[in-house]
């Protein structure tokens, strides 16, 4: 019988679990996580990203999930001024990258939580 293990961890682009500043305002975005390597069925990362907007106006964030083709690899939304918003359940594997860019540089920070799912 297969056993599934879920290991919570930080995003691969984070230093000690700290936020990742979004410094780009166009594609390709800043890398915020590299999904686990391999293509084994049942092994993947599930990623939640909480984005804080330090600006005095609302800002949009666009995530590029596994590629940079729009709209295929894109999702995102608006983060209100001075607030945070969480985007849930990005899923991937095979070392693909989760990237992000904002409507303005250096005012958004991404706090990334990863659940590594491994089935053996």
C-alpha atoms as a PDB file:
ATOM      1  CA  UNK A   1       0.000   0.000   0.000  1.00  0.00           C
ATOM      2  CA  UNK A   2       1.313   3.453  -0.945  1.00  0.00           C
ATOM      3  CA  UNK A   3       2.160   5.941   1.780  1.00  0.00           C
ATOM      4  CA  UNK A   4       1.789   9.671   1.169  1.00  0.00           C
ATOM      5  CA  UNK A   5       3.931  12.089   3.168  1.00  0.00           C
ATOM      6  CA  UNK A   6       3.268  15.835   3.261  1.00  0.00           C
ATOM      7  CA  UNK A   7       6.218  17.967   4.369  1.00  0.00           C
ATOM      8  CA  UNK A   8       5.575  21.685   4.993  1.00  0.00           C
ATOM      9  CA  UNK A   9       8.466  23.978   4.070  1.00  0.00           C
ATOM     10  CA  UNK A  10       9.329  27.472   2.824  1.00  0.00           C
ATOM     11  CA  UNK A  11       9.524  28.546  -0.807  1.00  0.00           C
ATOM     12  CA  UNK A  12      12.829  27.678  -2.445  1.00  0.00           C
ATOM     13  CA  UNK A  13      13.606  31.332  -3.272  1.00  0.00           C
ATOM     14  CA  UNK A  14      13.094  32.475   0.321  1.00  0.00           C
ATOM     15  CA  UNK A  15      15.927  33.154   2.735  1.00  0.00           C
ATOM     16  CA  UNK A  16      15.068  31.522   6.074  1.00  0.00           C
ATOM     17  CA  UNK A  17      11.335  31.717   5.340  1.00  0.00           C
ATOM     18  CA  UNK A  18      11.328  35.492   4.845  1.00  0.00           C
ATOM     19  CA  UNK A  19       9.255  37.325   2.248  1.00  0.00           C
ATOM     20  CA  UNK A  20      10.466  37.598  -1.321  1.00  0.00           C
ATOM     21  CA  UNK A  21      10.382  41.135  -2.750  1.00  0.00           C
ATOM     22  CA  UNK A  22       8.783  41.306  -6.187  1.00  0.00           C
ATOM     23  CA  UNK A  23      11.230  43.480  -8.119  1.00  0.00           C
ATOM     24  CA  UNK A  24       9.853  43.062 -11.630  1.00  0.00           C
ATOM     25  CA  UNK A  25       6.846  44.677 -13.267  1.00  0.00           C
ATOM     26  CA  UNK A  26       6.793  42.613 -16.473  1.00  0.00           C
ATOM     27  CA  UNK A  27       7.330  39.080 -17.730  1.00  0.00           C
ATOM     28  CA  UNK A  28       9.341  37.075 -16.860  1.00  0.00           C
ATOM     29  CA  UNK A  29       8.692  37.545 -13.158  1.00  0.00           C
ATOM     30  CA  UNK A  30      10.872  36.914 -10.134  1.00  0.00           C
ATOM     31  CA  UNK A  31      11.275  33.244  -9.186  1.00  0.00           C
ATOM     32  CA  UNK A  32       9.482  32.571  -5.902  1.00  0.00           C
ATOM     33  CA  UNK A  33       9.650  28.757  -5.930  1.00  0.00           C
ATOM     34  CA  UNK A  34      11.169  25.870  -7.900  1.00  0.00           C
ATOM     35  CA  UNK A  35       8.898  22.818  -7.773  1.00  0.00           C
ATOM     36  CA  UNK A  36      10.446  19.502  -6.701  1.00  0.00           C
ATOM     37  CA  UNK A  37      12.366  17.623  -9.398  1.00  0.00           C
ATOM     38  CA  UNK A  38      11.025  14.541 -11.142  1.00  0.00           C
ATOM     39  CA  UNK A  39       7.789  13.455 -12.748  1.00  0.00           C
ATOM     40  CA  UNK A  40       6.799  10.536 -10.518  1.00  0.00           C
ATOM     41  CA  UNK A  41       3.028  10.313 -10.183  1.00  0.00           C
ATOM     42  CA  UNK A  42       1.963  11.371  -6.696  1.00  0.00           C
ATOM     43  CA  UNK A  43       5.049  13.529  -6.072  1.00  0.00           C
ATOM     44  CA  UNK A  44       4.427  17.269  -6.364  1.00  0.00           C
ATOM     45  CA  UNK A  45       4.451  20.572  -4.476  1.00  0.00           C
ATOM     46  CA  UNK A  46       1.345  22.465  -3.402  1.00  0.00           C
ATOM     47  CA  UNK A  47       2.117  26.154  -2.921  1.00  0.00           C
ATOM     48  CA  UNK A  48       0.184  28.964  -1.205  1.00  0.00           C
ATOM     49  CA  UNK A  49       1.422  32.544  -1.582  1.00  0.00           C
ATOM     50  CA  UNK A  50       0.446  35.451   0.660  1.00  0.00           C
ATOM     51  CA  UNK A  51       1.271  38.777  -0.972  1.00  0.00           C
ATOM     52  CA  UNK A  52       1.644  42.003   1.028  1.00  0.00           C
ATOM     53  CA  UNK A  53       1.225  45.373  -0.704  1.00  0.00           C
ATOM     54  CA  UNK A  54       3.244  48.126   1.017  1.00  0.00           C
ATOM     55  CA  UNK A  55       2.053  50.801  -1.421  1.00  0.00           C
ATOM     56  CA  UNK A  56      -0.657  53.449  -0.868  1.00  0.00           C
ATOM     57  CA  UNK A  57      -2.610  52.275  -3.941  1.00  0.00           C
ATOM     58  CA  UNK A  58      -3.964  48.876  -4.957  1.00  0.00           C
ATOM     59  CA  UNK A  59      -1.523  46.765  -7.000  1.00  0.00           C
ATOM     60  CA  UNK A  60      -1.952  43.685  -9.158  1.00  0.00           C
ATOM     61  CA  UNK A  61       0.242  40.616  -9.073  1.00  0.00           C
ATOM     62  CA  UNK A  62       0.594  38.080 -11.863  1.00  0.00           C
ATOM     63  CA  UNK A  63       1.900  34.581 -11.190  1.00  0.00           C
ATOM     64  CA  UNK A  64       3.555  32.553 -13.934  1.00  0.00           C
ATOM     65  CA  UNK A  65       3.048  28.907 -13.052  1.00  0.00           C
ATOM     66  CA  UNK A  66       5.503  26.644 -14.886  1.00  0.00           C
ATOM     67  CA  UNK A  67       5.991  28.935 -17.871  1.00  0.00           C
ATOM     68  CA  UNK A  68       5.506  32.438 -19.226  1.00  0.00           C
ATOM     69  CA  UNK A  69       2.781  31.894 -21.831  1.00  0.00           C
ATOM     70  CA  UNK A  70      -0.220  34.152 -21.277  1.00  0.00           C
ATOM     71  CA  UNK A  71      -2.941  33.292 -20.438  1.00  0.00           C
ATOM     72  CA  UNK A  72      -2.050  29.574 -20.162  1.00  0.00           C
ATOM     73  CA  UNK A  73       0.479  29.902 -17.314  1.00  0.00           C
ATOM     74  CA  UNK A  74      -0.911  33.069 -15.696  1.00  0.00           C
ATOM     75  CA  UNK A  75      -3.130  33.794 -12.726  1.00  0.00           C
ATOM     76  CA  UNK A  76      -3.260  36.526 -10.143  1.00  0.00           C
ATOM     77  CA  UNK A  77      -5.325  39.392  -8.821  1.00  0.00           C
ATOM     78  CA  UNK A  78      -5.412  42.685  -6.968  1.00  0.00           C
ATOM     79  CA  UNK A  79      -3.829  43.229  -3.566  1.00  0.00           C
ATOM     80  CA  UNK A  80      -5.380  46.220  -1.740  1.00  0.00           C
ATOM     81  CA  UNK A  81      -3.126  49.042  -0.525  1.00  0.00           C
ATOM     82  CA  UNK A  82      -1.512  48.262   2.832  1.00  0.00           C
ATOM     83  CA  UNK A  83      -3.072  44.792   2.969  1.00  0.00           C
ATOM     84  CA  UNK A  84      -2.305  41.196   2.069  1.00  0.00           C
ATOM     85  CA  UNK A  85      -4.049  38.577  -0.038  1.00  0.00           C
ATOM     86  CA  UNK A  86      -3.460  34.835  -0.234  1.00  0.00           C
ATOM     87  CA  UNK A  87      -3.467  32.843  -3.463  1.00  0.00           C
ATOM     88  CA  UNK A  88      -3.955  29.116  -2.918  1.00  0.00           C
ATOM     89  CA  UNK A  89      -3.108  25.765  -4.461  1.00  0.00           C
ATOM     90  CA  UNK A  90      -0.475  26.236  -7.133  1.00  0.00           C
ATOM     91  CA  UNK A  91       0.682  22.696  -7.993  1.00  0.00           C
ATOM     92  CA  UNK A  92       3.710  21.499  -9.917  1.00  0.00           C
ATOM     93  CA  UNK A  93       6.714  19.224 -10.269  1.00  0.00           C
ATOM     94  CA  UNK A  94       9.658  18.516 -12.604  1.00  0.00           C
ATOM     95  CA  UNK A  95      11.658  21.548 -11.428  1.00  0.00           C
ATOM     96  CA  UNK A  96       9.290  24.009 -13.097  1.00  0.00           C
ATOM     97  CA  UNK A  97       9.339  27.544 -11.713  1.00  0.00           C
ATOM     98  CA  UNK A  98       6.647  29.621 -10.047  1.00  0.00           C
ATOM     99  CA  UNK A  99       7.342  33.285 -10.838  1.00  0.00           C
ATOM    100  CA  UNK A 100       5.586  36.563 -10.081  1.00  0.00           C
ATOM    101  CA  UNK A 101       5.582  40.181 -11.235  1.00  0.00           C
ATOM    102  CA  UNK A 102       3.632  43.190 -10.001  1.00  0.00           C
ATOM    103  CA  UNK A 103       2.032  46.263 -11.514  1.00  0.00           C
ATOM    104  CA  UNK A 104       4.856  48.207  -9.808  1.00  0.00           C
ATOM    105  CA  UNK A 105       8.308  47.063  -8.716  1.00  0.00           C
ATOM    106  CA  UNK A 106       9.476  46.812  -5.101  1.00  0.00           C
ATOM    107  CA  UNK A 107       6.120  47.323  -3.346  1.00  0.00           C
ATOM    108  CA  UNK A 108       4.885  43.705  -3.153  1.00  0.00           C
ATOM    109  CA  UNK A 109       6.390  40.893  -1.105  1.00  0.00           C
ATOM    110  CA  UNK A 110       5.483  37.215  -1.409  1.00  0.00           C
ATOM    111  CA  UNK A 111       5.431  34.886   1.587  1.00  0.00           C
ATOM    112  CA  UNK A 112       5.527  31.344   0.227  1.00  0.00           C
ATOM    113  CA  UNK A 113       4.340  28.173   1.982  1.00  0.00           C
ATOM    114  CA  UNK A 114       5.003  24.817   0.326  1.00  0.00           C
ATOM    115  CA  UNK A 115       3.679  21.364   1.021  1.00  0.00           C
ATOM    116  CA  UNK A 116       5.956  18.733  -0.571  1.00  0.00           C
ATOM    117  CA  UNK A 117       3.765  15.703  -1.335  1.00  0.00           C
ATOM    118  CA  UNK A 118       5.672  12.430  -1.747  1.00  0.00           C
ATOM    119  CA  UNK A 119       4.044   9.058  -2.374  1.00  0.00           C
ATOM    120  CA  UNK A 120       6.096   5.909  -1.843  1.00  0.00           C
END
